[in-house]
Amino acid sequence: ISSNPDRLPDTIRSRCSRINFMPLPPKACEEVIRRAFSQGAKVKAHKSGEAIPPVHLAGMVRLSMGKPGTALSEDLIEQRARFVSLLNNMLNMDKDGWTSREDMEKWFDHLFILLRDMAVMKITRDETHLINADLKEYTDKMSNAMDIKGIIEQFQRLNALKRHLHFNLNKSLTWNYTGSLLRKDMDRSYA
């Protein structure tokens, strides 16, 4: 089982069956997380036996994007807080804070979610469609200087960069390049 079949050698992929899993709707995802927690599953973000606050559960459901296993195995709220901290550091031209290529990949995934939320706010102004609904004000302020075309162009440039991460790009150079791209368009006064 692989979420990244393109990274498997062709000789192995040719012998594999492909099974696509669709993300669960938010209500079903919430129910799976709630049921797993009530059955004693360890949720990384919480101590066993404590109730998950509804606001925290809603955030976990949105950030997991229909993948309850991710919500149960990773502290998505903490990852997002780290992403925001690193983004602010990057926009303020601080030293790079990535620890590994996997850390870089997760950071870019969170950045793409932020860009998606910026686009949603520019197009609809409807916060019910945001993945980072609790960061609505931050998202809105960061995108003040950007139009929808700029958001799409940023996404395309950064997605092309992310595809090259498997070449073991230098972390500091990637940090500085990414920061220079983001500083061109994002409103840094809120970082």
N, C-alpha and C. Protein backbone atom coordinates (compact mmCIF):
# COMPACT_ATOMS: atom_id res chain seq x y z
N ILE A 1 0.86 -1.17 0.00
CA ILE A 1 0.00 0.00 0.00
C ILE A 1 0.90 1.23 0.00
N SER A 2 0.61 2.15 -0.91
CA SER A 2 1.43 3.36 -1.00
C SER A 2 0.56 4.55 -1.38
N SER A 3 0.78 5.66 -0.71
CA SER A 3 0.10 6.89 -1.09
C SER A 3 0.90 7.62 -2.16
N ASN A 4 2.08 7.11 -2.48
CA ASN A 4 2.97 7.71 -3.47
C ASN A 4 3.43 6.64 -4.46
N PRO A 5 2.55 6.10 -5.29
CA PRO A 5 2.95 5.01 -6.18
C PRO A 5 4.00 5.40 -7.21
N ASP A 6 4.10 6.68 -7.53
CA ASP A 6 5.09 7.13 -8.52
C ASP A 6 6.52 6.92 -8.03
N ARG A 7 6.70 6.77 -6.74
CA ARG A 7 8.04 6.60 -6.19
C ARG A 7 8.45 5.13 -6.15
N LEU A 8 7.53 4.23 -6.49
CA LEU A 8 7.87 2.81 -6.55
C LEU A 8 8.49 2.48 -7.90
N PRO A 9 9.41 1.54 -7.95
CA PRO A 9 9.98 1.15 -9.25
C PRO A 9 8.91 0.57 -10.17
N ASP A 10 9.08 0.78 -11.47
CA ASP A 10 8.11 0.28 -12.45
C ASP A 10 7.90 -1.22 -12.35
N THR A 11 8.97 -1.95 -12.05
CA THR A 11 8.85 -3.42 -11.97
C THR A 11 7.91 -3.84 -10.84
N ILE A 12 7.87 -3.08 -9.78
CA ILE A 12 6.95 -3.39 -8.68
C ILE A 12 5.55 -2.89 -9.01
N ARG A 13 5.45 -1.70 -9.54
CA ARG A 13 4.12 -1.13 -9.87
C ARG A 13 3.39 -1.98 -10.88
N SER A 14 4.10 -2.59 -11.81
CA SER A 14 3.43 -3.38 -12.85
C SER A 14 2.76 -4.62 -12.27
N ARG A 15 3.16 -5.05 -11.10
CA ARG A 15 2.58 -6.24 -10.48
C ARG A 15 1.55 -5.90 -9.40
N CYS A 16 1.26 -4.64 -9.25
CA CYS A 16 0.36 -4.21 -8.17
C CYS A 16 -1.04 -3.93 -8.71
N SER A 17 -2.01 -4.14 -7.86
CA SER A 17 -3.39 -3.75 -8.17
C SER A 17 -3.61 -2.36 -7.60
N ARG A 18 -4.38 -1.60 -8.30
CA ARG A 18 -4.65 -0.23 -7.85
C ARG A 18 -6.03 -0.18 -7.20
N ILE A 19 -6.06 0.32 -5.99
CA ILE A 19 -7.32 0.50 -5.26
C ILE A 19 -7.35 1.95 -4.80
N ASN A 20 -8.34 2.68 -5.24
CA ASN A 20 -8.46 4.09 -4.86
C ASN A 20 -9.39 4.22 -3.66
N PHE A 21 -8.94 4.96 -2.67
CA PHE A 21 -9.76 5.24 -1.50
C PHE A 21 -10.23 6.68 -1.58
N MET A 22 -11.51 6.86 -1.42
CA MET A 22 -12.08 8.21 -1.47
C MET A 22 -12.11 8.79 -0.05
N PRO A 23 -11.89 10.10 0.08
CA PRO A 23 -11.98 10.72 1.41
C PRO A 23 -13.41 10.62 1.95
N LEU A 24 -13.52 10.50 3.25
CA LEU A 24 -14.83 10.45 3.89
C LEU A 24 -15.44 11.84 3.98
N PRO A 25 -16.77 11.92 3.94
CA PRO A 25 -17.41 13.22 4.19
C PRO A 25 -17.11 13.66 5.63
N PRO A 26 -17.16 14.96 5.91
CA PRO A 26 -16.80 15.45 7.24
C PRO A 26 -17.55 14.77 8.40
N LYS A 27 -18.84 14.57 8.26
CA LYS A 27 -19.62 13.95 9.34
C LYS A 27 -19.15 12.52 9.60
N ALA A 28 -18.91 11.76 8.53
CA ALA A 28 -18.44 10.37 8.68
C ALA A 28 -17.03 10.35 9.28
N CYS A 29 -16.19 11.26 8.86
CA CYS A 29 -14.83 11.35 9.39
C CYS A 29 -14.88 11.67 10.89
N GLU A 30 -15.73 12.60 11.26
CA GLU A 30 -15.88 12.96 12.68
C GLU A 30 -16.36 11.76 13.48
N GLU A 31 -17.30 11.02 12.93
CA GLU A 31 -17.83 9.84 13.63
C GLU A 31 -16.75 8.77 13.81
N VAL A 32 -15.93 8.55 12.80
CA VAL A 32 -14.85 7.56 12.90
C VAL A 32 -13.85 7.98 13.98
N ILE A 33 -13.48 9.24 14.00
CA ILE A 33 -12.53 9.74 15.01
C ILE A 33 -13.13 9.61 16.40
N ARG A 34 -14.38 10.02 16.53
CA ARG A 34 -15.06 9.95 17.83
C ARG A 34 -15.16 8.50 18.31
N ARG A 35 -15.55 7.59 17.40
CA ARG A 35 -15.69 6.18 17.76
C ARG A 35 -14.34 5.57 18.13
N ALA A 36 -13.31 5.88 17.34
CA ALA A 36 -11.97 5.34 17.64
C ALA A 36 -11.49 5.84 19.00
N PHE A 37 -11.76 7.09 19.29
CA PHE A 37 -11.33 7.64 20.57
C PHE A 37 -12.11 7.02 21.73
N SER A 38 -13.42 6.81 21.53
CA SER A 38 -14.22 6.21 22.61
C SER A 38 -13.84 4.75 22.85
N GLN A 39 -13.25 4.10 21.85
CA GLN A 39 -12.82 2.71 22.00
C GLN A 39 -11.39 2.61 22.53
N GLY A 40 -10.84 3.74 22.92
CA GLY A 40 -9.53 3.72 23.55
C GLY A 40 -8.36 3.96 22.63
N ALA A 41 -8.64 4.33 21.37
CA ALA A 41 -7.53 4.62 20.45
C ALA A 41 -6.77 5.83 20.95
N LYS A 42 -5.48 5.80 20.79
CA LYS A 42 -4.65 6.93 21.21
C LYS A 42 -4.66 7.97 20.09
N VAL A 43 -5.20 9.13 20.40
CA VAL A 43 -5.16 10.25 19.47
C VAL A 43 -3.94 11.06 19.87
N LYS A 44 -3.03 11.27 18.93
CA LYS A 44 -1.76 11.93 19.26
C LYS A 44 -1.94 13.27 19.95
N ALA A 45 -3.00 13.98 19.59
CA ALA A 45 -3.19 15.32 20.14
C ALA A 45 -3.81 15.32 21.54
N HIS A 46 -4.24 14.15 22.04
CA HIS A 46 -4.94 14.11 23.33
C HIS A 46 -4.51 12.93 24.16
N LYS A 47 -4.62 13.13 25.48
CA LYS A 47 -4.36 12.04 26.40
C LYS A 47 -5.57 11.11 26.39
N SER A 48 -5.33 9.83 26.47
CA SER A 48 -6.41 8.86 26.50
C SER A 48 -7.28 9.12 27.72
N GLY A 49 -8.58 9.03 27.53
CA GLY A 49 -9.52 9.21 28.63
C GLY A 49 -10.11 10.61 28.69
N GLU A 50 -9.44 11.59 28.11
CA GLU A 50 -9.98 12.95 28.10
C GLU A 50 -10.91 13.10 26.90
N ALA A 51 -11.95 13.90 27.07
CA ALA A 51 -12.85 14.17 25.95
C ALA A 51 -12.18 15.15 25.00
N ILE A 52 -12.38 14.93 23.71
CA ILE A 52 -11.85 15.86 22.72
C ILE A 52 -12.81 17.05 22.66
N PRO A 53 -12.32 18.27 22.90
CA PRO A 53 -13.21 19.43 22.80
C PRO A 53 -13.80 19.53 21.40
N PRO A 54 -15.10 19.89 21.28
CA PRO A 54 -15.75 19.96 19.97
C PRO A 54 -15.01 20.85 18.97
N VAL A 55 -14.47 21.97 19.43
CA VAL A 55 -13.74 22.87 18.53
C VAL A 55 -12.48 22.17 18.00
N HIS A 56 -11.79 21.46 18.88
CA HIS A 56 -10.58 20.73 18.49
C HIS A 56 -10.92 19.59 17.53
N LEU A 57 -12.02 18.90 17.80
CA LEU A 57 -12.46 17.81 16.93
C LEU A 57 -12.81 18.35 15.54
N ALA A 58 -13.53 19.47 15.50
CA ALA A 58 -13.89 20.07 14.20
C ALA A 58 -12.63 20.46 13.42
N GLY A 59 -11.64 21.00 14.11
CA GLY A 59 -10.38 21.36 13.46
C GLY A 59 -9.65 20.14 12.93
N MET A 60 -9.65 19.06 13.73
CA MET A 60 -9.00 17.82 13.29
C MET A 60 -9.69 17.26 12.04
N VAL A 61 -11.02 17.32 12.02
CA VAL A 61 -11.78 16.79 10.88
C VAL A 61 -11.46 17.59 9.63
N ARG A 62 -11.46 18.92 9.73
CA ARG A 62 -11.16 19.75 8.55
C ARG A 62 -9.74 19.52 8.06
N LEU A 63 -8.77 19.50 8.99
CA LEU A 63 -7.37 19.34 8.59
C LEU A 63 -7.06 17.95 8.05
N SER A 64 -7.81 16.94 8.48
CA SER A 64 -7.56 15.58 7.98
C SER A 64 -8.11 15.40 6.56
N MET A 65 -8.98 16.29 6.12
CA MET A 65 -9.55 16.28 4.78
C MET A 65 -10.09 14.91 4.38
N GLY A 66 -10.88 14.31 5.28
CA GLY A 66 -11.54 13.05 4.97
C GLY A 66 -10.71 11.82 5.26
N LYS A 67 -9.56 11.99 5.90
CA LYS A 67 -8.69 10.85 6.22
C LYS A 67 -8.58 10.73 7.74
N PRO A 68 -9.51 9.99 8.37
CA PRO A 68 -9.49 9.92 9.83
C PRO A 68 -8.23 9.27 10.39
N GLY A 69 -7.60 8.38 9.64
CA GLY A 69 -6.36 7.77 10.10
C GLY A 69 -5.27 8.81 10.32
N THR A 70 -5.24 9.81 9.48
CA THR A 70 -4.27 10.89 9.63
C THR A 70 -4.56 11.68 10.91
N ALA A 71 -5.84 11.94 11.16
CA ALA A 71 -6.21 12.69 12.36
C ALA A 71 -5.86 11.91 13.63
N LEU A 72 -5.93 10.58 13.57
CA LEU A 72 -5.64 9.76 14.74
C LEU A 72 -4.14 9.56 14.95
N SER A 73 -3.38 9.54 13.87
CA SER A 73 -1.96 9.21 13.98
C SER A 73 -1.03 10.42 14.06
N GLU A 74 -1.53 11.59 13.72
CA GLU A 74 -0.69 12.79 13.73
C GLU A 74 -1.40 13.90 14.49
N ASP A 75 -0.64 14.77 15.10
CA ASP A 75 -1.21 15.94 15.77
C ASP A 75 -1.31 17.06 14.74
N LEU A 76 -2.42 17.08 14.02
CA LEU A 76 -2.58 18.03 12.92
C LEU A 76 -2.64 19.48 13.40
N ILE A 77 -3.22 19.70 14.56
CA ILE A 77 -3.31 21.06 15.09
C ILE A 77 -1.90 21.59 15.41
N GLU A 78 -1.08 20.74 16.01
CA GLU A 78 0.30 21.12 16.34
C GLU A 78 1.12 21.33 15.05
N GLN A 79 0.91 20.45 14.06
CA GLN A 79 1.63 20.60 12.78
C GLN A 79 1.28 21.94 12.13
N ARG A 80 -0.01 22.29 12.19
CA ARG A 80 -0.41 23.55 11.58
C ARG A 80 0.17 24.74 12.34
N ALA A 81 0.22 24.66 13.66
CA ALA A 81 0.82 25.74 14.45
C ALA A 81 2.29 25.89 14.09
N ARG A 82 2.98 24.77 13.91
CA ARG A 82 4.39 24.81 13.50
C ARG A 82 4.52 25.42 12.11
N PHE A 83 3.60 25.06 11.20
CA PHE A 83 3.61 25.63 9.86
C PHE A 83 3.50 27.15 9.91
N VAL A 84 2.53 27.66 10.68
CA VAL A 84 2.32 29.11 10.77
C VAL A 84 3.56 29.79 11.34
N SER A 85 4.15 29.18 12.36
CA SER A 85 5.37 29.74 12.95
C SER A 85 6.50 29.79 11.93
N LEU A 86 6.70 28.70 11.19
CA LEU A 86 7.76 28.67 10.18
C LEU A 86 7.47 29.65 9.04
N LEU A 87 6.20 29.78 8.65
CA LEU A 87 5.83 30.73 7.60
C LEU A 87 6.16 32.15 8.04
N ASN A 88 5.81 32.49 9.26
CA ASN A 88 6.13 33.83 9.78
C ASN A 88 7.64 34.04 9.82
N ASN A 89 8.38 33.03 10.26
CA ASN A 89 9.85 33.13 10.27
C ASN A 89 10.39 33.34 8.86
N MET A 90 9.83 32.61 7.90
CA MET A 90 10.28 32.72 6.52
C MET A 90 10.01 34.12 5.97
N LEU A 91 8.81 34.62 6.22
CA LEU A 91 8.45 35.95 5.72
C LEU A 91 9.28 37.05 6.38
N ASN A 92 9.73 36.80 7.60
CA ASN A 92 10.58 37.76 8.31
C ASN A 92 12.06 37.52 8.06
N MET A 93 12.37 36.66 7.11
CA MET A 93 13.73 36.35 6.67
C MET A 93 14.60 35.77 7.79
N ASP A 94 14.01 34.95 8.65
CA ASP A 94 14.77 34.26 9.68
C ASP A 94 15.45 33.04 9.07
N LYS A 95 16.33 32.43 9.86
CA LYS A 95 17.06 31.23 9.44
C LYS A 95 16.08 30.08 9.22
N ASP A 96 16.42 29.17 8.30
CA ASP A 96 15.50 28.08 7.99
C ASP A 96 15.24 27.20 9.21
N GLY A 97 14.01 26.69 9.29
CA GLY A 97 13.61 25.90 10.44
C GLY A 97 13.20 24.48 10.10
N TRP A 98 13.38 24.09 8.85
CA TRP A 98 13.03 22.72 8.47
C TRP A 98 14.06 21.75 9.02
N THR A 99 13.60 20.59 9.45
CA THR A 99 14.51 19.60 10.01
C THR A 99 14.82 18.46 9.05
N SER A 100 13.93 18.21 8.08
CA SER A 100 14.13 17.09 7.16
C SER A 100 13.31 17.32 5.89
N ARG A 101 13.52 16.47 4.92
CA ARG A 101 12.74 16.56 3.69
C ARG A 101 11.26 16.30 3.97
N GLU A 102 10.96 15.36 4.87
CA GLU A 102 9.57 15.07 5.22
C GLU A 102 8.92 16.30 5.87
N ASP A 103 9.69 16.99 6.69
CA ASP A 103 9.21 18.22 7.32
C ASP A 103 8.91 19.27 6.24
N MET A 104 9.77 19.36 5.24
CA MET A 104 9.55 20.29 4.14
C MET A 104 8.28 19.93 3.37
N GLU A 105 8.08 18.64 3.10
CA GLU A 105 6.90 18.20 2.35
C GLU A 105 5.62 18.53 3.11
N LYS A 106 5.60 18.26 4.41
CA LYS A 106 4.41 18.58 5.21
C LYS A 106 4.18 20.08 5.24
N TRP A 107 5.27 20.86 5.33
CA TRP A 107 5.14 22.31 5.34
C TRP A 107 4.51 22.79 4.04
N PHE A 108 4.98 22.27 2.91
CA PHE A 108 4.40 22.66 1.62
C PHE A 108 2.94 22.25 1.53
N ASP A 109 2.58 21.09 2.06
CA ASP A 109 1.18 20.67 2.06
C ASP A 109 0.31 21.67 2.82
N HIS A 110 0.80 22.13 3.97
CA HIS A 110 0.05 23.14 4.73
C HIS A 110 0.00 24.47 3.98
N LEU A 111 1.07 24.81 3.28
CA LEU A 111 1.08 26.04 2.49
C LEU A 111 0.04 25.97 1.38
N PHE A 112 -0.08 24.82 0.73
CA PHE A 112 -1.08 24.67 -0.33
C PHE A 112 -2.49 24.80 0.22
N ILE A 113 -2.71 24.31 1.43
CA ILE A 113 -4.02 24.47 2.07
C ILE A 113 -4.28 25.95 2.35
N LEU A 114 -3.26 26.66 2.82
CA LEU A 114 -3.41 28.10 3.07
C LEU A 114 -3.71 28.84 1.77
N LEU A 115 -3.00 28.52 0.69
CA LEU A 115 -3.26 29.16 -0.60
C LEU A 115 -4.67 28.84 -1.09
N ARG A 116 -5.12 27.61 -0.87
CA ARG A 116 -6.48 27.22 -1.24
C ARG A 116 -7.49 28.07 -0.47
N ASP A 117 -7.26 28.22 0.84
CA ASP A 117 -8.16 29.03 1.66
C ASP A 117 -8.15 30.49 1.22
N MET A 118 -6.97 31.00 0.82
CA MET A 118 -6.89 32.37 0.31
C MET A 118 -7.75 32.52 -0.94
N ALA A 119 -7.66 31.54 -1.83
CA ALA A 119 -8.45 31.58 -3.06
C ALA A 119 -9.94 31.53 -2.75
N VAL A 120 -10.33 30.68 -1.82
CA VAL A 120 -11.74 30.60 -1.42
C VAL A 120 -12.23 31.94 -0.90
N MET A 121 -11.41 32.59 -0.07
CA MET A 121 -11.81 33.89 0.49
C MET A 121 -11.90 34.96 -0.60
N LYS A 122 -11.00 34.91 -1.57
CA LYS A 122 -11.03 35.91 -2.65
C LYS A 122 -12.26 35.70 -3.54
N ILE A 123 -12.63 34.44 -3.76
CA ILE A 123 -13.73 34.15 -4.69
C ILE A 123 -15.08 34.25 -4.01
N THR A 124 -15.24 33.60 -2.86
CA THR A 124 -16.58 33.49 -2.27
C THR A 124 -16.79 34.31 -1.00
N ARG A 125 -15.72 34.61 -0.26
CA ARG A 125 -15.80 35.25 1.05
C ARG A 125 -16.62 34.41 2.04
N ASP A 126 -16.79 33.12 1.75
CA ASP A 126 -17.58 32.22 2.59
C ASP A 126 -16.64 31.38 3.44
N GLU A 127 -16.56 31.68 4.72
CA GLU A 127 -15.62 30.99 5.60
C GLU A 127 -16.03 29.56 5.92
N THR A 128 -17.25 29.16 5.58
CA THR A 128 -17.66 27.77 5.85
C THR A 128 -16.92 26.78 4.96
N HIS A 129 -16.33 27.25 3.88
CA HIS A 129 -15.59 26.38 2.97
C HIS A 129 -14.10 26.32 3.28
N LEU A 130 -13.66 27.02 4.30
CA LEU A 130 -12.24 27.04 4.64
C LEU A 130 -11.83 25.79 5.40
N ILE A 131 -10.66 25.29 5.10
CA ILE A 131 -10.10 24.18 5.88
C ILE A 131 -9.55 24.72 7.19
N ASN A 132 -8.88 25.85 7.12
CA ASN A 132 -8.35 26.52 8.32
C ASN A 132 -9.33 27.61 8.75
N ALA A 133 -10.56 27.21 9.06
CA ALA A 133 -11.60 28.18 9.41
C ALA A 133 -11.22 29.01 10.63
N ASP A 134 -10.50 28.42 11.56
CA ASP A 134 -10.11 29.16 12.76
C ASP A 134 -8.98 30.15 12.48
N LEU A 135 -8.37 30.09 11.30
CA LEU A 135 -7.33 31.05 10.90
C LEU A 135 -7.85 32.01 9.83
N LYS A 136 -9.16 32.21 9.78
CA LYS A 136 -9.78 33.04 8.75
C LYS A 136 -9.17 34.44 8.70
N GLU A 137 -9.05 35.06 9.87
CA GLU A 137 -8.52 36.43 9.92
C GLU A 137 -7.07 36.47 9.42
N TYR A 138 -6.26 35.52 9.85
CA TYR A 138 -4.86 35.43 9.42
C TYR A 138 -4.80 35.22 7.90
N THR A 139 -5.61 34.31 7.40
CA THR A 139 -5.64 34.02 5.97
C THR A 139 -6.04 35.25 5.18
N ASP A 140 -7.07 35.93 5.66
CA ASP A 140 -7.57 37.12 4.99
C ASP A 140 -6.50 38.22 4.94
N LYS A 141 -5.82 38.44 6.07
CA LYS A 141 -4.80 39.50 6.13
C LYS A 141 -3.59 39.16 5.27
N MET A 142 -3.18 37.89 5.28
CA MET A 142 -2.00 37.50 4.50
C MET A 142 -2.25 37.65 2.99
N SER A 143 -3.51 37.53 2.59
CA SER A 143 -3.81 37.58 1.16
C SER A 143 -4.26 38.96 0.69
N ASN A 144 -4.18 39.97 1.56
CA ASN A 144 -4.62 41.32 1.19
C ASN A 144 -4.01 41.81 -0.11
N ALA A 145 -2.71 41.60 -0.28
CA ALA A 145 -2.00 42.15 -1.44
C ALA A 145 -2.10 41.24 -2.67
N MET A 146 -2.78 40.10 -2.56
CA MET A 146 -2.82 39.14 -3.67
C MET A 146 -4.19 39.12 -4.33
N ASP A 147 -4.19 38.92 -5.64
CA ASP A 147 -5.44 38.66 -6.33
C ASP A 147 -5.49 37.16 -6.66
N ILE A 148 -6.59 36.70 -7.20
CA ILE A 148 -6.75 35.26 -7.45
C ILE A 148 -5.70 34.75 -8.44
N LYS A 149 -5.36 35.56 -9.43
CA LYS A 149 -4.34 35.15 -10.40
C LYS A 149 -2.99 34.96 -9.71
N GLY A 150 -2.65 35.86 -8.80
CA GLY A 150 -1.39 35.75 -8.06
C GLY A 150 -1.35 34.51 -7.18
N ILE A 151 -2.49 34.18 -6.57
CA ILE A 151 -2.57 32.98 -5.73
C ILE A 151 -2.33 31.73 -6.57
N ILE A 152 -2.95 31.69 -7.73
CA ILE A 152 -2.79 30.52 -8.62
C ILE A 152 -1.36 30.41 -9.12
N GLU A 153 -0.76 31.55 -9.49
CA GLU A 153 0.63 31.52 -9.95
C GLU A 153 1.58 31.07 -8.83
N GLN A 154 1.34 31.55 -7.61
CA GLN A 154 2.15 31.10 -6.47
C GLN A 154 2.03 29.60 -6.29
N PHE A 155 0.80 29.10 -6.34
CA PHE A 155 0.58 27.66 -6.18
C PHE A 155 1.36 26.89 -7.23
N GLN A 156 1.29 27.32 -8.48
CA GLN A 156 1.97 26.61 -9.56
C GLN A 156 3.49 26.60 -9.36
N ARG A 157 4.07 27.75 -8.99
CA ARG A 157 5.51 27.81 -8.76
C ARG A 157 5.94 26.92 -7.60
N LEU A 158 5.19 27.01 -6.50
CA LEU A 158 5.55 26.25 -5.30
C LEU A 158 5.29 24.76 -5.47
N ASN A 159 4.27 24.41 -6.24
CA ASN A 159 4.01 23.00 -6.51
C ASN A 159 5.13 22.41 -7.37
N ALA A 160 5.62 23.18 -8.33
CA ALA A 160 6.75 22.72 -9.15
C ALA A 160 7.98 22.52 -8.26
N LEU A 161 8.20 23.43 -7.32
CA LEU A 161 9.32 23.29 -6.39
C LEU A 161 9.15 22.05 -5.52
N LYS A 162 7.95 21.81 -5.02
CA LYS A 162 7.72 20.64 -4.15
C LYS A 162 8.00 19.34 -4.90
N ARG A 163 7.69 19.30 -6.19
CA ARG A 163 7.95 18.08 -6.97
C ARG A 163 9.44 17.77 -7.05
N HIS A 164 10.28 18.76 -6.82
CA HIS A 164 11.73 18.54 -6.88
C HIS A 164 12.36 18.20 -5.53
N LEU A 165 11.56 18.15 -4.48
CA LEU A 165 12.12 17.87 -3.16
C LEU A 165 12.77 16.50 -3.07
N HIS A 166 12.30 15.54 -3.87
CA HIS A 166 12.90 14.20 -3.81
C HIS A 166 14.32 14.18 -4.36
N PHE A 167 14.77 15.28 -4.94
CA PHE A 167 16.16 15.39 -5.40
C PHE A 167 17.09 15.86 -4.27
N ASN A 168 16.57 15.88 -3.04
CA ASN A 168 17.33 16.32 -1.87
C ASN A 168 17.88 17.73 -2.04
N LEU A 169 16.98 18.66 -2.32
CA LEU A 169 17.36 20.06 -2.46
C LEU A 169 17.95 20.58 -1.15
N ASN A 170 18.87 21.49 -1.26
CA ASN A 170 19.46 22.12 -0.09
C ASN A 170 18.36 22.86 0.68
N LYS A 171 18.24 22.56 1.98
CA LYS A 171 17.16 23.13 2.79
C LYS A 171 17.25 24.65 2.86
N SER A 172 18.44 25.18 3.07
CA SER A 172 18.59 26.63 3.21
C SER A 172 18.27 27.36 1.91
N LEU A 173 18.75 26.82 0.79
CA LEU A 173 18.45 27.44 -0.50
C LEU A 173 16.96 27.37 -0.81
N THR A 174 16.35 26.24 -0.51
CA THR A 174 14.91 26.08 -0.75
C THR A 174 14.13 27.04 0.14
N TRP A 175 14.55 27.17 1.40
CA TRP A 175 13.91 28.09 2.34
C TRP A 175 13.98 29.53 1.81
N ASN A 176 15.17 29.95 1.39
CA ASN A 176 15.35 31.32 0.91
C ASN A 176 14.58 31.58 -0.38
N TYR A 177 14.60 30.61 -1.30
CA TYR A 177 13.87 30.77 -2.56
C TYR A 177 12.37 30.84 -2.30
N THR A 178 11.86 29.93 -1.47
CA THR A 178 10.43 29.93 -1.16
C THR A 178 10.04 31.24 -0.48
N GLY A 179 10.86 31.68 0.45
CA GLY A 179 10.59 32.95 1.13
C GLY A 179 10.56 34.12 0.17
N SER A 180 11.48 34.14 -0.79
CA SER A 180 11.49 35.25 -1.75
C SER A 180 10.23 35.24 -2.62
N LEU A 181 9.76 34.05 -2.99
CA LEU A 181 8.52 33.96 -3.76
C LEU A 181 7.33 34.47 -2.95
N LEU A 182 7.26 34.06 -1.70
CA LEU A 182 6.12 34.44 -0.86
C LEU A 182 6.16 35.91 -0.48
N ARG A 183 7.34 36.44 -0.22
CA ARG A 183 7.45 37.86 0.17
C ARG A 183 7.03 38.79 -0.95
N LYS A 184 7.13 38.33 -2.20
CA LYS A 184 6.73 39.17 -3.33
C LYS A 184 5.24 39.49 -3.27
N ASP A 185 4.42 38.52 -2.84
CA ASP A 185 2.97 38.68 -2.94
C ASP A 185 2.23 38.77 -1.62
N MET A 186 2.71 38.09 -0.59
CA MET A 186 1.97 38.07 0.67
C MET A 186 2.21 39.33 1.48
N ASP A 187 1.20 39.72 2.24
CA ASP A 187 1.31 40.88 3.12
C ASP A 187 2.07 40.47 4.37
N ARG A 188 3.34 40.89 4.45
CA ARG A 188 4.23 40.46 5.53
C ARG A 188 3.96 41.18 6.84
N SER A 189 3.21 42.25 6.82
CA SER A 189 3.01 43.01 8.06
C SER A 189 2.24 42.22 9.11
N TYR A 190 1.60 41.12 8.70
CA TYR A 190 0.85 40.30 9.65
C TYR A 190 1.62 39.06 10.05
N ALA A 191 2.82 38.89 9.53
CA ALA A 191 3.61 37.69 9.85
C ALA A 191 4.23 37.80 11.23
